[in-house]
Amino acid sequence: MAEWAAKRFWKAANVVPEGESFAVHLDGRPLKTPAKAALLLPSEPLAHAVAAEWEAQGDKINPATMPFTRSANSAIDRVAPQHAEVTEIVAAYGESDLICYRAESPAALVARQAEAWDPLVDWARDVLNAPLIMTTGVMHVRQPATSVEVLRALVKRQDAFALTALHDLTALSGSLIIGFAALEGQATPEELWALSRVDEDWQIAQWGEDEEATEVAARKRGDFLHAAALHRISRPTA
């Protein structure tokens, strides 16, 4: 049997200002989230991105082609009402951040990790005020309590849309510091994604590519770049 899909029922999607937020209307009717909350977006660029996704639908609705709509729904329905819980999930990455765990050998990999990650460690110390301890191997190293608390406070400060983006940036990269670097524009999203892939790229260089792993990595890269774009276009304008 053919898979059922909802059919397009509107002719035009338009952005409508609502106070300090923006709504998307389908033939004059405002969009709601799956939980029936008003889909109010914090910036006009994000609202236009959501409207463009609805405008681009064919005769049948394909949610897979609507990433900004899905992210907005998640921010409103899931992250906003569970802000404290999501904060703890994201902040926990600061206690075992990818960039703190270094290889003991070979020397070329050790050097590659240092070149990629030492500037991020320095940035965390000098800009985020969160000095981190590096170690070799995979045994857990306890990070300074003050640094952990500073990072948690920075996560907590994020609004629902920024926290939605930060959650994905951090979970996909394995690094809260890389997540914050993406939010702060320390490097391009492509560059930051490459920094998170130092170990994997090293293995590929030594042993060759695995087709399935390559497909998974490509999906994760796309999701990482989307999360960075979500943050960039969701910032409220002054």
Protein backbone atom coordinates (compact mmCIF):
# COMPACT_ATOMS: atom_id res chain seq x y z
CA MET A 1 0.00 0.00 0.00
CA ALA A 2 1.17 3.54 -0.73
CA GLU A 3 2.20 5.57 2.31
CA TRP A 4 -0.40 8.15 3.30
CA ALA A 5 0.64 11.79 3.26
CA ALA A 6 -1.32 14.93 4.06
CA LYS A 7 -2.28 16.92 0.97
CA ARG A 8 -1.58 20.57 0.37
CA PHE A 9 -4.63 22.62 1.31
CA TRP A 10 -3.37 26.19 0.86
CA LYS A 11 -2.39 28.42 -2.03
CA ALA A 12 0.03 30.87 -0.41
CA ALA A 13 2.23 31.12 2.71
CA ASN A 14 2.87 34.61 4.07
CA VAL A 15 4.84 36.14 6.93
CA VAL A 16 2.79 38.30 9.31
CA PRO A 17 4.29 40.41 12.14
CA GLU A 18 2.76 39.75 15.57
CA GLY A 19 4.12 42.11 18.21
CA GLU A 20 7.86 41.43 18.46
CA SER A 21 7.46 38.03 16.77
CA PHE A 22 6.46 36.76 13.34
CA ALA A 23 3.81 34.26 12.32
CA VAL A 24 3.36 32.31 9.09
CA HIS A 25 -0.13 32.28 7.62
CA LEU A 26 -1.46 29.78 5.10
CA ASP A 27 -4.19 31.57 3.17
CA GLY A 28 -4.70 33.86 6.15
CA ARG A 29 -4.72 31.12 8.80
CA PRO A 30 -1.78 31.13 11.26
CA LEU A 31 0.33 28.01 11.54
CA LYS A 32 0.35 26.14 14.82
CA THR A 33 2.80 23.61 16.21
CA PRO A 34 1.91 19.91 16.56
CA ALA A 35 1.04 20.68 20.21
CA LYS A 36 -1.37 23.38 18.95
CA ALA A 37 0.72 26.29 20.21
CA ALA A 38 1.02 29.42 18.11
CA LEU A 39 4.01 29.14 15.78
CA LEU A 40 5.55 32.50 16.70
CA LEU A 41 9.07 32.99 15.39
CA PRO A 42 11.64 35.34 16.92
CA SER A 43 12.97 36.81 13.66
CA GLU A 44 11.71 37.74 10.23
CA PRO A 45 14.43 35.72 8.39
CA LEU A 46 13.39 32.55 10.21
CA ALA A 47 9.74 33.25 9.48
CA HIS A 48 10.53 33.64 5.79
CA ALA A 49 12.53 30.39 5.85
CA VAL A 50 9.56 28.56 7.36
CA ALA A 51 7.14 30.18 4.90
CA ALA A 52 9.40 29.19 1.99
CA GLU A 53 9.30 25.55 3.13
CA TRP A 54 5.49 25.56 3.10
CA GLU A 55 5.36 27.44 -0.18
CA ALA A 56 7.67 24.85 -1.78
CA GLN A 57 5.47 21.86 -0.93
CA GLY A 58 3.86 19.99 -3.79
CA ASP A 59 0.49 18.28 -3.80
CA LYS A 60 1.54 16.24 -0.75
CA ILE A 61 3.28 17.53 2.37
CA ASN A 62 6.77 16.12 2.93
CA PRO A 63 8.01 16.98 6.45
CA ALA A 64 11.53 15.80 5.52
CA THR A 65 11.86 18.89 3.31
CA MET A 66 10.89 21.30 6.12
CA PRO A 67 13.85 21.43 8.54
CA PHE A 68 13.26 24.98 9.80
CA THR A 69 9.61 24.19 10.50
CA ARG A 70 10.60 21.08 12.42
CA SER A 71 13.20 22.98 14.43
CA ALA A 72 10.75 25.77 15.24
CA ASN A 73 8.17 23.22 16.39
CA SER A 74 10.81 21.56 18.59
CA ALA A 75 11.89 24.87 20.12
CA ILE A 76 8.31 25.84 21.00
CA ASP A 77 6.80 22.47 21.95
CA ARG A 78 9.75 20.71 23.56
CA VAL A 79 12.66 22.98 24.45
CA ALA A 80 10.80 26.00 25.82
CA PRO A 81 8.72 24.04 28.36
CA GLN A 82 11.71 21.87 29.32
CA HIS A 83 14.41 24.54 29.24
CA ALA A 84 16.01 23.47 32.53
CA GLU A 85 16.15 19.80 31.52
CA VAL A 86 17.62 20.54 28.09
CA THR A 87 20.13 22.90 29.71
CA GLU A 88 21.42 20.07 31.89
CA ILE A 89 21.68 17.68 28.92
CA VAL A 90 23.70 20.17 26.90
CA ALA A 91 25.84 21.43 29.79
CA ALA A 92 26.87 17.86 30.65
CA TYR A 93 28.97 17.76 27.47
CA GLY A 94 31.26 20.33 29.11
CA GLU A 95 32.26 17.72 31.68
CA SER A 96 33.63 15.36 29.00
CA ASP A 97 34.25 17.56 25.99
CA LEU A 98 35.67 15.92 22.88
CA ILE A 99 38.52 18.42 22.57
CA CYS A 100 39.92 17.45 25.98
CA TYR A 101 40.61 13.80 25.11
CA ARG A 102 43.79 13.33 23.12
CA ALA A 103 45.52 10.36 21.56
CA GLU A 104 48.78 9.09 23.03
CA SER A 105 50.02 8.07 19.58
CA PRO A 106 50.78 8.11 16.70
CA ALA A 107 52.64 11.40 16.71
CA ALA A 108 50.95 12.63 13.54
CA LEU A 109 47.48 12.24 15.08
CA VAL A 110 48.63 13.86 18.32
CA ALA A 111 49.89 16.83 16.32
CA ARG A 112 46.70 17.03 14.26
CA GLN A 113 44.50 17.06 17.38
CA ALA A 114 46.66 19.75 18.96
CA GLU A 115 46.51 21.92 15.85
CA ALA A 116 42.72 21.57 15.63
CA TRP A 117 41.71 21.66 19.28
CA ASP A 118 44.30 23.70 21.22
CA PRO A 119 42.91 27.01 19.85
CA LEU A 120 39.44 25.97 21.05
CA VAL A 121 40.80 25.14 24.51
CA ASP A 122 42.51 28.54 24.57
CA TRP A 123 39.29 30.26 23.46
CA ALA A 124 37.30 28.51 26.18
CA ARG A 125 39.82 29.72 28.75
CA ASP A 126 40.30 33.28 27.50
CA VAL A 127 36.84 34.17 26.19
CA LEU A 128 34.36 31.85 27.90
CA ASN A 129 36.35 31.98 31.17
CA ALA A 130 36.21 28.19 31.36
CA PRO A 131 39.70 26.63 31.60
CA LEU A 132 39.62 22.93 30.72
CA ILE A 133 41.96 20.06 31.58
CA MET A 134 43.24 17.88 28.76
CA THR A 135 44.14 14.22 29.09
CA THR A 136 45.32 11.32 26.96
CA GLY A 137 43.27 8.19 26.41
CA VAL A 138 39.59 7.76 27.20
CA MET A 139 39.60 7.72 31.01
CA HIS A 140 37.37 10.47 32.35
CA VAL A 141 39.11 13.56 33.67
CA ARG A 142 37.24 15.80 36.12
CA GLN A 143 37.00 19.35 34.88
CA PRO A 144 37.29 22.32 37.26
CA ALA A 145 33.99 22.89 39.05
CA THR A 146 34.12 26.61 38.30
CA SER A 147 34.50 25.94 34.57
CA VAL A 148 31.62 23.48 34.59
CA GLU A 149 29.41 26.03 36.30
CA VAL A 150 30.44 28.82 33.93
CA LEU A 151 29.54 26.65 30.94
CA ARG A 152 26.23 25.62 32.51
CA ALA A 153 25.35 29.28 33.12
CA LEU A 154 26.16 30.12 29.50
CA VAL A 155 23.90 27.31 28.28
CA LYS A 156 21.11 28.43 30.61
CA ARG A 157 21.21 31.95 29.16
CA GLN A 158 20.18 30.76 25.71
CA ASP A 159 16.60 31.30 24.57
CA ALA A 160 14.57 28.34 23.33
CA PHE A 161 15.64 28.71 19.69
CA ALA A 162 19.32 29.19 20.51
CA LEU A 163 19.21 26.25 22.92
CA THR A 164 17.60 24.08 20.24
CA ALA A 165 20.49 24.93 17.92
CA LEU A 166 23.12 24.53 20.63
CA HIS A 167 21.77 21.12 21.62
CA ASP A 168 22.20 19.80 18.08
CA LEU A 169 25.55 21.49 17.47
CA THR A 170 26.92 20.01 20.69
CA ALA A 171 25.43 16.53 20.39
CA LEU A 172 26.50 16.15 16.77
CA SER A 173 30.06 17.35 17.35
CA GLY A 174 30.55 15.85 20.82
CA SER A 175 31.81 19.21 22.03
CA LEU A 176 30.08 21.97 23.95
CA ILE A 177 32.98 24.27 23.11
CA ILE A 178 32.52 23.66 19.39
CA GLY A 179 28.81 24.31 19.91
CA PHE A 180 29.50 27.67 21.53
CA ALA A 181 32.10 28.47 18.86
CA ALA A 182 29.39 27.99 16.24
CA LEU A 183 27.01 30.27 18.11
CA GLU A 184 29.69 32.94 18.44
CA GLY A 185 30.92 32.68 14.87
CA GLN A 186 34.47 31.72 15.82
CA ALA A 187 34.79 29.88 12.52
CA THR A 188 32.49 28.83 9.72
CA PRO A 189 30.14 25.92 10.44
CA GLU A 190 32.01 23.87 7.83
CA GLU A 191 35.32 24.54 9.57
CA LEU A 192 33.91 23.67 12.99
CA TRP A 193 32.37 20.46 11.68
CA ALA A 194 35.79 19.50 10.27
CA LEU A 195 37.36 20.17 13.68
CA SER A 196 34.93 17.74 15.27
CA ARG A 197 35.92 15.07 12.74
CA VAL A 198 39.68 14.95 13.35
CA ASP A 199 39.67 11.40 14.71
CA GLU A 200 37.25 10.04 12.12
CA ASP A 201 39.10 11.65 9.23
CA TRP A 202 42.35 10.22 10.54
CA GLN A 203 40.87 6.73 10.57
CA ILE A 204 39.56 7.18 7.03
CA ALA A 205 42.99 8.29 5.87
CA GLN A 206 44.53 5.15 7.38
CA TRP A 207 41.94 2.51 6.50
CA GLY A 208 39.72 3.94 3.81
CA GLU A 209 36.06 4.90 3.80
CA ASP A 210 33.15 2.76 4.92
CA GLU A 211 30.09 3.46 2.79
CA GLU A 212 27.57 3.26 5.62
CA ALA A 213 29.70 5.38 7.96
CA THR A 214 30.16 7.93 5.20
CA GLU A 215 26.40 8.21 4.71
CA VAL A 216 25.84 8.65 8.45
CA ALA A 217 28.55 11.32 8.60
CA ALA A 218 26.99 13.16 5.66
CA ARG A 219 23.61 13.26 7.41
CA LYS A 220 25.21 14.51 10.63
CA ARG A 221 27.11 17.17 8.74
CA GLY A 222 23.87 18.38 7.15
CA ASP A 223 22.17 18.49 10.53
CA PHE A 224 25.12 20.40 12.05
CA LEU A 225 25.06 23.00 9.27
CA HIS A 226 21.29 23.32 9.64
CA ALA A 227 21.60 23.92 13.40
CA ALA A 228 24.15 26.65 12.76
CA ALA A 229 21.84 28.23 10.18
CA LEU A 230 18.90 28.00 12.57
CA HIS A 231 20.81 29.99 15.17
CA ARG A 232 22.04 32.56 12.69
CA ILE A 233 18.62 33.38 11.22
CA SER A 234 16.65 33.09 14.46
CA ARG A 235 18.37 35.95 16.28
CA PRO A 236 15.83 38.68 17.08
CA THR A 237 16.61 42.01 15.47
CA ALA A 238 17.07 45.05 17.67
